[in-house]
Each structure stands twice: as C-alpha cells, then as structure tokens.
C-alpha cells in the first residue's frame, strides 16, 4: 500500500537517471547507423523486412499510389513504436 496518495505519480528513476530519457533513447539503439561497407545481421534483417513490406504495399497500388508508400510506411512505424512505448510503465 502506498504511504502517500501521490507516490504513484512520481517519475521512476534508476541510478539517478529518469527512465523517460532511457525510453526515449531506446529506439536509437535499435536502429544503429554505421559507416562500414558490410553491415551486421540486425541491420540486414531490418533492410530485408523493409524491402519485403514495401514490395507488398507497392504491389497493390497503382503508380500514383506508389508515391505515398514510403510516407505510409513511416507513419505505420511511428504509430507502432509510440504504441509500444506506451506499454512501458
């Protein structure tokens, strides 16, 4: 049981750092940028998944609709990532 009614609204902190900063920086760790010519398996998997999804989205649209595919994919990824961040306490 809480000692105070407002303790549930305090900002969670680990080692003196607010967890909000760690949560905001977490997606940048998932999408690393490298200057190497040969990428690692994780980046290769990300590129393969994006190409697969973009091919599937472009195949059902005509040429005018294909111009909006990349913007639609980025919107879907943004909404999905914000929904996943909303699940974190």
PDB file of N, CA and C in Angstrom:
ATOM      1  N   UNK A   1       0.842  -1.178   0.000  1.00  0.00           N
ATOM      2  CA  UNK A   1       0.000   0.000   0.000  1.00  0.00           C
ATOM      3  C   UNK A   1       0.884   1.237   0.000  1.00  0.00           C
ATOM      4  N   UNK A   2       0.469   2.249  -0.723  1.00  0.00           N
ATOM      5  CA  UNK A   2       1.234   3.480  -0.804  1.00  0.00           C
ATOM      6  C   UNK A   2       1.098   4.303   0.469  1.00  0.00           C
ATOM      7  N   UNK A   3       2.212   4.940   0.857  1.00  0.00           N
ATOM      8  CA  UNK A   3       2.171   5.813   2.015  1.00  0.00           C
ATOM      9  C   UNK A   3       1.441   7.110   1.704  1.00  0.00           C
ATOM     10  N   UNK A   4       1.587   7.558   0.480  1.00  0.00           N
ATOM     11  CA  UNK A   4       1.026   8.822   0.078  1.00  0.00           C
ATOM     12  C   UNK A   4       0.156   8.582  -1.151  1.00  0.00           C
ATOM     13  N   UNK A   5      -0.856   9.398  -1.339  1.00  0.00           N
ATOM     14  CA  UNK A   5      -1.744   9.250  -2.472  1.00  0.00           C
ATOM     15  C   UNK A   5      -1.043   9.575  -3.781  1.00  0.00           C
ATOM     16  N   UNK A   6      -0.043  10.458  -3.754  1.00  0.00           N
ATOM     17  CA  UNK A   6       0.603  10.929  -4.970  1.00  0.00           C
ATOM     18  C   UNK A   6       1.923  10.229  -5.282  1.00  0.00           C
ATOM     19  N   UNK A   7       2.288   9.192  -4.573  1.00  0.00           N
ATOM     20  CA  UNK A   7       3.537   8.493  -4.870  1.00  0.00           C
ATOM     21  C   UNK A   7       3.471   7.731  -6.188  1.00  0.00           C
ATOM     22  N   UNK A   8       2.284   7.413  -6.650  1.00  0.00           N
ATOM     23  CA  UNK A   8       2.177   6.704  -7.929  1.00  0.00           C
ATOM     24  C   UNK A   8       2.488   7.615  -9.104  1.00  0.00           C
ATOM     25  N   UNK A   9       2.504   8.943  -8.895  1.00  0.00           N
ATOM     26  CA  UNK A   9       2.767   9.879  -9.976  1.00  0.00           C
ATOM     27  C   UNK A   9       4.217  10.338 -10.025  1.00  0.00           C
ATOM     28  N   UNK A  10       5.072   9.831  -9.178  1.00  0.00           N
ATOM     29  CA  UNK A  10       6.473  10.242  -9.203  1.00  0.00           C
ATOM     30  C   UNK A  10       7.179   9.614 -10.403  1.00  0.00           C
ATOM     31  N   UNK A  11       8.208  10.287 -10.884  1.00  0.00           N
ATOM     32  CA  UNK A  11       8.954   9.812 -12.042  1.00  0.00           C
ATOM     33  C   UNK A  11       9.858   8.663 -11.630  1.00  0.00           C
ATOM     34  N   UNK A  12       9.772   7.516 -12.322  1.00  0.00           N
ATOM     35  CA  UNK A  12      10.655   6.403 -11.980  1.00  0.00           C
ATOM     36  C   UNK A  12      12.110   6.730 -12.334  1.00  0.00           C
ATOM     37  N   UNK A  13      13.017   6.371 -11.431  1.00  0.00           N
ATOM     38  CA  UNK A  13      14.423   6.719 -11.585  1.00  0.00           C
ATOM     39  C   UNK A  13      15.264   5.471 -11.338  1.00  0.00           C
ATOM     40  N   UNK A  14      16.264   5.265 -12.204  1.00  0.00           N
ATOM     41  CA  UNK A  14      17.253   4.201 -11.990  1.00  0.00           C
ATOM     42  C   UNK A  14      18.622   4.850 -12.003  1.00  0.00           C
ATOM     43  N   UNK A  15      19.381   4.666 -10.941  1.00  0.00           N
ATOM     44  CA  UNK A  15      20.733   5.204 -10.796  1.00  0.00           C
ATOM     45  C   UNK A  15      20.776   6.716 -11.011  1.00  0.00           C
ATOM     46  N   UNK A  16      19.755   7.399 -10.590  1.00  0.00           N
ATOM     47  CA  UNK A  16      19.717   8.851 -10.694  1.00  0.00           C
ATOM     48  C   UNK A  16      19.278   9.379 -12.043  1.00  0.00           C
ATOM     49  N   UNK A  17      19.055   8.488 -13.025  1.00  0.00           N
ATOM     50  CA  UNK A  17      18.592   8.901 -14.346  1.00  0.00           C
ATOM     51  C   UNK A  17      17.099   8.615 -14.475  1.00  0.00           C
ATOM     52  N   UNK A  18      16.327   9.587 -14.922  1.00  0.00           N
ATOM     53  CA  UNK A  18      14.904   9.295 -15.146  1.00  0.00           C
ATOM     54  C   UNK A  18      14.737   8.262 -16.252  1.00  0.00           C
ATOM     55  N   UNK A  19      13.821   7.340 -16.064  1.00  0.00           N
ATOM     56  CA  UNK A  19      13.605   6.290 -17.057  1.00  0.00           C
ATOM     57  C   UNK A  19      13.054   6.835 -18.358  1.00  0.00           C
ATOM     58  N   UNK A  20      12.460   8.004 -18.327  1.00  0.00           N
ATOM     59  CA  UNK A  20      11.915   8.589 -19.555  1.00  0.00           C
ATOM     60  C   UNK A  20      13.031   8.828 -20.566  1.00  0.00           C
ATOM     61  N   UNK A  21      14.191   9.288 -20.112  1.00  0.00           N
ATOM     62  CA  UNK A  21      15.297   9.520 -21.052  1.00  0.00           C
ATOM     63  C   UNK A  21      15.793   8.211 -21.647  1.00  0.00           C
ATOM     64  N   UNK A  22      15.824   7.162 -20.834  1.00  0.00           N
ATOM     65  CA  UNK A  22      16.254   5.866 -21.365  1.00  0.00           C
ATOM     66  C   UNK A  22      15.255   5.314 -22.368  1.00  0.00           C
ATOM     67  N   UNK A  23      13.960   5.519 -22.110  1.00  0.00           N
ATOM     68  CA  UNK A  23      12.928   5.030 -23.016  1.00  0.00           C
ATOM     69  C   UNK A  23      12.975   5.792 -24.331  1.00  0.00           C
ATOM     70  N   UNK A  24      13.229   7.085 -24.274  1.00  0.00           N
ATOM     71  CA  UNK A  24      13.290   7.885 -25.498  1.00  0.00           C
ATOM     72  C   UNK A  24      14.528   7.532 -26.313  1.00  0.00           C
ATOM     73  N   UNK A  25      15.638   7.220 -25.661  1.00  0.00           N
ATOM     74  CA  UNK A  25      16.861   6.882 -26.379  1.00  0.00           C
ATOM     75  C   UNK A  25      16.890   5.437 -26.866  1.00  0.00           C
ATOM     76  N   UNK A  26      15.997   4.588 -26.369  1.00  0.00           N
ATOM     77  CA  UNK A  26      15.992   3.167 -26.724  1.00  0.00           C
ATOM     78  C   UNK A  26      15.810   2.908 -28.219  1.00  0.00           C
ATOM     79  N   UNK A  27      14.882   3.596 -28.933  1.00  0.00           N
ATOM     80  CA  UNK A  27      14.766   3.316 -30.379  1.00  0.00           C
ATOM     81  C   UNK A  27      16.027   3.642 -31.172  1.00  0.00           C
ATOM     82  N   UNK A  28      16.809   4.618 -30.730  1.00  0.00           N
ATOM     83  CA  UNK A  28      18.045   4.918 -31.455  1.00  0.00           C
ATOM     84  C   UNK A  28      19.055   3.779 -31.319  1.00  0.00           C
ATOM     85  N   UNK A  29      18.953   3.005 -30.258  1.00  0.00           N
ATOM     86  CA  UNK A  29      19.820   1.835 -30.122  1.00  0.00           C
ATOM     87  C   UNK A  29      19.383   0.705 -31.044  1.00  0.00           C
ATOM     88  N   UNK A  30      18.089   0.660 -31.375  1.00  0.00           N
ATOM     89  CA  UNK A  30      17.591  -0.394 -32.249  1.00  0.00           C
ATOM     90  C   UNK A  30      17.945  -0.161 -33.713  1.00  0.00           C
ATOM     91  N   UNK A  31      18.109   1.108 -34.096  1.00  0.00           N
ATOM     92  CA  UNK A  31      18.397   1.434 -35.483  1.00  0.00           C
ATOM     93  C   UNK A  31      19.767   2.088 -35.577  1.00  0.00           C
ATOM     94  N   UNK A  32      20.832   1.303 -35.462  1.00  0.00           N
ATOM     95  CA  UNK A  32      22.169   1.891 -35.493  1.00  0.00           C
ATOM     96  C   UNK A  32      22.574   2.298 -36.904  1.00  0.00           C
ATOM     97  N   UNK A  33      23.406   3.315 -36.975  1.00  0.00           N
ATOM     98  CA  UNK A  33      23.972   3.718 -38.258  1.00  0.00           C
ATOM     99  C   UNK A  33      25.460   3.398 -38.224  1.00  0.00           C
ATOM    100  N   UNK A  34      25.944   2.857 -39.311  1.00  0.00           N
ATOM    101  CA  UNK A  34      27.354   2.507 -39.359  1.00  0.00           C
ATOM    102  C   UNK A  34      27.935   2.975 -40.680  1.00  0.00           C
ATOM    103  N   UNK A  35      29.224   3.205 -40.675  1.00  0.00           N
ATOM    104  CA  UNK A  35      29.928   3.622 -41.878  1.00  0.00           C
ATOM    105  C   UNK A  35      30.639   2.450 -42.548  1.00  0.00           C
ATOM    106  N   UNK A  36      30.380   1.253 -42.061  1.00  0.00           N
ATOM    107  CA  UNK A  36      31.022   0.074 -42.635  1.00  0.00           C
ATOM    108  C   UNK A  36      30.366  -0.322 -43.948  1.00  0.00           C
ATOM    109  N   UNK A  37      31.142  -0.925 -44.814  1.00  0.00           N
ATOM    110  CA  UNK A  37      30.592  -1.409 -46.076  1.00  0.00           C
ATOM    111  C   UNK A  37      29.764  -2.669 -45.874  1.00  0.00           C
ATOM    112  N   UNK A  38      30.169  -3.513 -44.949  1.00  0.00           N
ATOM    113  CA  UNK A  38      29.453  -4.738 -44.651  1.00  0.00           C
ATOM    114  C   UNK A  38      28.691  -4.522 -43.351  1.00  0.00           C
ATOM    115  N   UNK A  39      27.375  -4.646 -43.405  1.00  0.00           N
ATOM    116  CA  UNK A  39      26.582  -4.414 -42.204  1.00  0.00           C
ATOM    117  C   UNK A  39      26.425  -5.712 -41.411  1.00  0.00           C
ATOM    118  N   UNK A  40      25.945  -5.565 -40.207  1.00  0.00           N
ATOM    119  CA  UNK A  40      25.765  -6.743 -39.371  1.00  0.00           C
ATOM    120  C   UNK A  40      24.420  -7.405 -39.674  1.00  0.00           C
ATOM    121  N   UNK A  41      24.111  -8.472 -38.981  1.00  0.00           N
ATOM    122  CA  UNK A  41      22.912  -9.257 -39.263  1.00  0.00           C
ATOM    123  C   UNK A  41      21.643  -8.493 -38.913  1.00  0.00           C
ATOM    124  N   UNK A  42      21.689  -7.708 -37.857  1.00  0.00           N
ATOM    125  CA  UNK A  42      20.495  -6.978 -37.421  1.00  0.00           C
ATOM    126  C   UNK A  42      20.082  -5.929 -38.454  1.00  0.00           C
ATOM    127  N   UNK A  43      21.047  -5.184 -38.967  1.00  0.00           N
ATOM    128  CA  UNK A  43      20.753  -4.169 -39.983  1.00  0.00           C
ATOM    129  C   UNK A  43      20.296  -4.835 -41.270  1.00  0.00           C
ATOM    130  N   UNK A  44      20.904  -5.956 -41.623  1.00  0.00           N
ATOM    131  CA  UNK A  44      20.492  -6.697 -42.809  1.00  0.00           C
ATOM    132  C   UNK A  44      19.061  -7.196 -42.665  1.00  0.00           C
ATOM    133  N   UNK A  45      18.708  -7.682 -41.488  1.00  0.00           N
ATOM    134  CA  UNK A  45      17.341  -8.135 -41.236  1.00  0.00           C
ATOM    135  C   UNK A  45      16.352  -6.979 -41.326  1.00  0.00           C
ATOM    136  N   UNK A  46      16.709  -5.806 -40.799  1.00  0.00           N
ATOM    137  CA  UNK A  46      15.842  -4.633 -40.891  1.00  0.00           C
ATOM    138  C   UNK A  46      15.631  -4.226 -42.341  1.00  0.00           C
ATOM    139  N   UNK A  47      16.685  -4.186 -43.119  1.00  0.00           N
ATOM    140  CA  UNK A  47      16.566  -3.807 -44.524  1.00  0.00           C
ATOM    141  C   UNK A  47      15.731  -4.821 -45.299  1.00  0.00           C
ATOM    142  N   UNK A  48      15.899  -6.085 -45.004  1.00  0.00           N
ATOM    143  CA  UNK A  48      15.127  -7.117 -45.680  1.00  0.00           C
ATOM    144  C   UNK A  48      13.645  -6.983 -45.361  1.00  0.00           C
ATOM    145  N   UNK A  49      13.327  -6.737 -44.082  1.00  0.00           N
ATOM    146  CA  UNK A  49      11.924  -6.578 -43.682  1.00  0.00           C
ATOM    147  C   UNK A  49      11.302  -5.347 -44.337  1.00  0.00           C
ATOM    148  N   UNK A  50      12.031  -4.231 -44.384  1.00  0.00           N
ATOM    149  CA  UNK A  50      11.504  -3.033 -45.019  1.00  0.00           C
ATOM    150  C   UNK A  50      11.279  -3.236 -46.512  1.00  0.00           C
ATOM    151  N   UNK A  51      12.192  -3.923 -47.177  1.00  0.00           N
ATOM    152  CA  UNK A  51      12.017  -4.197 -48.605  1.00  0.00           C
ATOM    153  C   UNK A  51      10.829  -5.120 -48.845  1.00  0.00           C
ATOM    154  N   UNK A  52      10.651  -6.114 -47.983  1.00  0.00           N
ATOM    155  CA  UNK A  52       9.536  -7.041 -48.121  1.00  0.00           C
ATOM    156  C   UNK A  52       8.201  -6.317 -47.955  1.00  0.00           C
ATOM    157  N   UNK A  53       8.105  -5.467 -46.927  1.00  0.00           N
ATOM    158  CA  UNK A  53       6.860  -4.745 -46.680  1.00  0.00           C
ATOM    159  C   UNK A  53       6.595  -3.735 -47.789  1.00  0.00           C
ATOM    160  N   UNK A  54       7.629  -3.042 -48.246  1.00  0.00           N
ATOM    161  CA  UNK A  54       7.424  -2.055 -49.308  1.00  0.00           C
ATOM    162  C   UNK A  54       7.009  -2.721 -50.621  1.00  0.00           C
ATOM    163  N   UNK A  55       7.559  -3.909 -50.937  1.00  0.00           N
ATOM    164  CA  UNK A  55       7.137  -4.623 -52.141  1.00  0.00           C
ATOM    165  C   UNK A  55       5.666  -5.019 -52.056  1.00  0.00           C
ATOM    166  N   UNK A  56       5.248  -5.484 -50.868  1.00  0.00           N
ATOM    167  CA  UNK A  56       3.865  -5.894 -50.702  1.00  0.00           C
ATOM    168  C   UNK A  56       2.917  -4.699 -50.776  1.00  0.00           C
ATOM    169  N   UNK A  57       3.330  -3.561 -50.243  1.00  0.00           N
ATOM    170  CA  UNK A  57       2.483  -2.377 -50.292  1.00  0.00           C
ATOM    171  C   UNK A  57       2.428  -1.784 -51.691  1.00  0.00           C
ATOM    172  N   UNK A  58       3.534  -1.823 -52.410  1.00  0.00           N
ATOM    173  CA  UNK A  58       3.566  -1.252 -53.759  1.00  0.00           C
ATOM    174  C   UNK A  58       2.848  -2.127 -54.770  1.00  0.00           C
ATOM    175  N   UNK A  59       2.755  -3.415 -54.523  1.00  0.00           N
ATOM    176  CA  UNK A  59       2.126  -4.300 -55.496  1.00  0.00           C
ATOM    177  C   UNK A  59       0.616  -4.093 -55.579  1.00  0.00           C
ATOM    178  N   UNK A  60      -0.011  -3.604 -54.522  1.00  0.00           N
ATOM    179  CA  UNK A  60      -1.467  -3.446 -54.544  1.00  0.00           C
ATOM    180  C   UNK A  60      -1.901  -2.055 -54.991  1.00  0.00           C
ATOM    181  N   UNK A  61      -0.959  -1.124 -55.181  1.00  0.00           N
ATOM    182  CA  UNK A  61      -1.306   0.232 -55.591  1.00  0.00           C
ATOM    183  C   UNK A  61      -0.881   0.489 -57.031  1.00  0.00           C
ATOM    184  N   UNK A  62      -1.552   1.454 -57.640  1.00  0.00           N
ATOM    185  CA  UNK A  62      -1.132   1.870 -58.979  1.00  0.00           C
ATOM    186  C   UNK A  62       0.071   2.805 -58.854  1.00  0.00           C
ATOM    187  N   UNK A  63       0.547   3.333 -59.957  1.00  0.00           N
ATOM    188  CA  UNK A  63       1.771   4.151 -59.929  1.00  0.00           C
ATOM    189  C   UNK A  63       1.578   5.439 -59.128  1.00  0.00           C
ATOM    190  N   UNK A  64       0.382   6.014 -59.154  1.00  0.00           N
ATOM    191  CA  UNK A  64       0.138   7.228 -58.366  1.00  0.00           C
ATOM    192  C   UNK A  64       0.104   6.915 -56.867  1.00  0.00           C
ATOM    193  N   UNK A  65      -0.429   5.765 -56.521  1.00  0.00           N
ATOM    194  CA  UNK A  65      -0.477   5.362 -55.118  1.00  0.00           C
ATOM    195  C   UNK A  65       0.862   4.931 -54.571  1.00  0.00           C
ATOM    196  N   UNK A  66       1.764   4.488 -55.456  1.00  0.00           N
ATOM    197  CA  UNK A  66       3.083   4.048 -55.012  1.00  0.00           C
ATOM    198  C   UNK A  66       3.934   5.197 -54.501  1.00  0.00           C
ATOM    199  N   UNK A  67       3.626   6.423 -54.901  1.00  0.00           N
ATOM    200  CA  UNK A  67       4.397   7.571 -54.409  1.00  0.00           C
ATOM    201  C   UNK A  67       4.166   7.804 -52.927  1.00  0.00           C
ATOM    202  N   UNK A  68       3.053   7.322 -52.390  1.00  0.00           N
ATOM    203  CA  UNK A  68       2.723   7.523 -50.983  1.00  0.00           C
ATOM    204  C   UNK A  68       3.157   6.352 -50.105  1.00  0.00           C
ATOM    205  N   UNK A  69       3.737   5.322 -50.695  1.00  0.00           N
ATOM    206  CA  UNK A  69       4.056   4.112 -49.934  1.00  0.00           C
ATOM    207  C   UNK A  69       5.077   4.371 -48.833  1.00  0.00           C
ATOM    208  N   UNK A  70       6.146   5.091 -49.114  1.00  0.00           N
ATOM    209  CA  UNK A  70       7.178   5.327 -48.105  1.00  0.00           C
ATOM    210  C   UNK A  70       6.661   6.186 -46.953  1.00  0.00           C
ATOM    211  N   UNK A  71       5.833   7.181 -47.271  1.00  0.00           N
ATOM    212  CA  UNK A  71       5.276   8.000 -46.214  1.00  0.00           C
ATOM    213  C   UNK A  71       4.303   7.184 -45.362  1.00  0.00           C
ATOM    214  N   UNK A  72       3.529   6.317 -45.993  1.00  0.00           N
ATOM    215  CA  UNK A  72       2.609   5.467 -45.252  1.00  0.00           C
ATOM    216  C   UNK A  72       3.360   4.482 -44.366  1.00  0.00           C
ATOM    217  N   UNK A  73       4.459   3.927 -44.870  1.00  0.00           N
ATOM    218  CA  UNK A  73       5.262   3.009 -44.057  1.00  0.00           C
ATOM    219  C   UNK A  73       5.867   3.721 -42.854  1.00  0.00           C
ATOM    220  N   UNK A  74       6.369   4.938 -43.044  1.00  0.00           N
ATOM    221  CA  UNK A  74       6.939   5.670 -41.918  1.00  0.00           C
ATOM    222  C   UNK A  74       5.873   6.025 -40.902  1.00  0.00           C
ATOM    223  N   UNK A  75       4.661   6.333 -41.359  1.00  0.00           N
ATOM    224  CA  UNK A  75       3.566   6.620 -40.437  1.00  0.00           C
ATOM    225  C   UNK A  75       3.185   5.385 -39.635  1.00  0.00           C
ATOM    226  N   UNK A  76       3.136   4.240 -40.290  1.00  0.00           N
ATOM    227  CA  UNK A  76       2.809   2.996 -39.602  1.00  0.00           C
ATOM    228  C   UNK A  76       3.885   2.652 -38.571  1.00  0.00           C
ATOM    229  N   UNK A  77       5.158   2.814 -38.939  1.00  0.00           N
ATOM    230  CA  UNK A  77       6.240   2.543 -37.988  1.00  0.00           C
ATOM    231  C   UNK A  77       6.205   3.510 -36.807  1.00  0.00           C
ATOM    232  N   UNK A  78       5.891   4.770 -37.065  1.00  0.00           N
ATOM    233  CA  UNK A  78       5.806   5.751 -35.986  1.00  0.00           C
ATOM    234  C   UNK A  78       4.666   5.414 -35.026  1.00  0.00           C
ATOM    235  N   UNK A  79       3.503   5.095 -35.557  1.00  0.00           N
ATOM    236  CA  UNK A  79       2.359   4.758 -34.703  1.00  0.00           C
ATOM    237  C   UNK A  79       2.638   3.479 -33.925  1.00  0.00           C
ATOM    238  N   UNK A  80       3.249   2.493 -34.584  1.00  0.00           N
ATOM    239  CA  UNK A  80       3.573   1.251 -33.883  1.00  0.00           C
ATOM    240  C   UNK A  80       4.591   1.445 -32.773  1.00  0.00           C
ATOM    241  N   UNK A  81       5.613   2.260 -33.021  1.00  0.00           N
ATOM    242  CA  UNK A  81       6.630   2.482 -31.987  1.00  0.00           C
ATOM    243  C   UNK A  81       6.077   3.299 -30.828  1.00  0.00           C
ATOM    244  N   UNK A  82       5.203   4.277 -31.095  1.00  0.00           N
ATOM    245  CA  UNK A  82       4.613   5.023 -29.985  1.00  0.00           C
ATOM    246  C   UNK A  82       3.654   4.168 -29.182  1.00  0.00           C
ATOM    247  N   UNK A  83       2.970   3.239 -29.843  1.00  0.00           N
ATOM    248  CA  UNK A  83       2.110   2.315 -29.095  1.00  0.00           C
ATOM    249  C   UNK A  83       2.939   1.392 -28.211  1.00  0.00           C
ATOM    250  N   UNK A  84       4.083   0.920 -28.724  1.00  0.00           N
ATOM    251  CA  UNK A  84       4.940   0.076 -27.895  1.00  0.00           C
ATOM    252  C   UNK A  84       5.546   0.846 -26.731  1.00  0.00           C
ATOM    253  N   UNK A  85       5.909   2.113 -26.962  1.00  0.00           N
ATOM    254  CA  UNK A  85       6.432   2.923 -25.868  1.00  0.00           C
ATOM    255  C   UNK A  85       5.363   3.211 -24.837  1.00  0.00           C
ATOM    256  N   UNK A  86       4.107   3.275 -25.256  1.00  0.00           N
ATOM    257  CA  UNK A  86       3.009   3.497 -24.327  1.00  0.00           C
ATOM    258  C   UNK A  86       2.759   2.310 -23.422  1.00  0.00           C
ATOM    259  N   UNK A  87       3.221   1.135 -23.804  1.00  0.00           N
ATOM    260  CA  UNK A  87       3.039  -0.037 -22.962  1.00  0.00           C
ATOM    261  C   UNK A  87       4.034  -0.100 -21.802  1.00  0.00           C
ATOM    262  N   UNK A  88       5.106   0.667 -21.911  1.00  0.00           N
ATOM    263  CA  UNK A  88       6.104   0.669 -20.843  1.00  0.00           C
ATOM    264  C   UNK A  88       5.578   1.455 -19.652  1.00  0.00           C
ATOM    265  N   UNK A  89       5.878   1.007 -18.447  1.00  0.00           N
ATOM    266  CA  UNK A  89       5.386   1.732 -17.264  1.00  0.00           C
ATOM    267  C   UNK A  89       6.075   3.050 -17.067  1.00  0.00           C
TER     268      UNK A  89
END
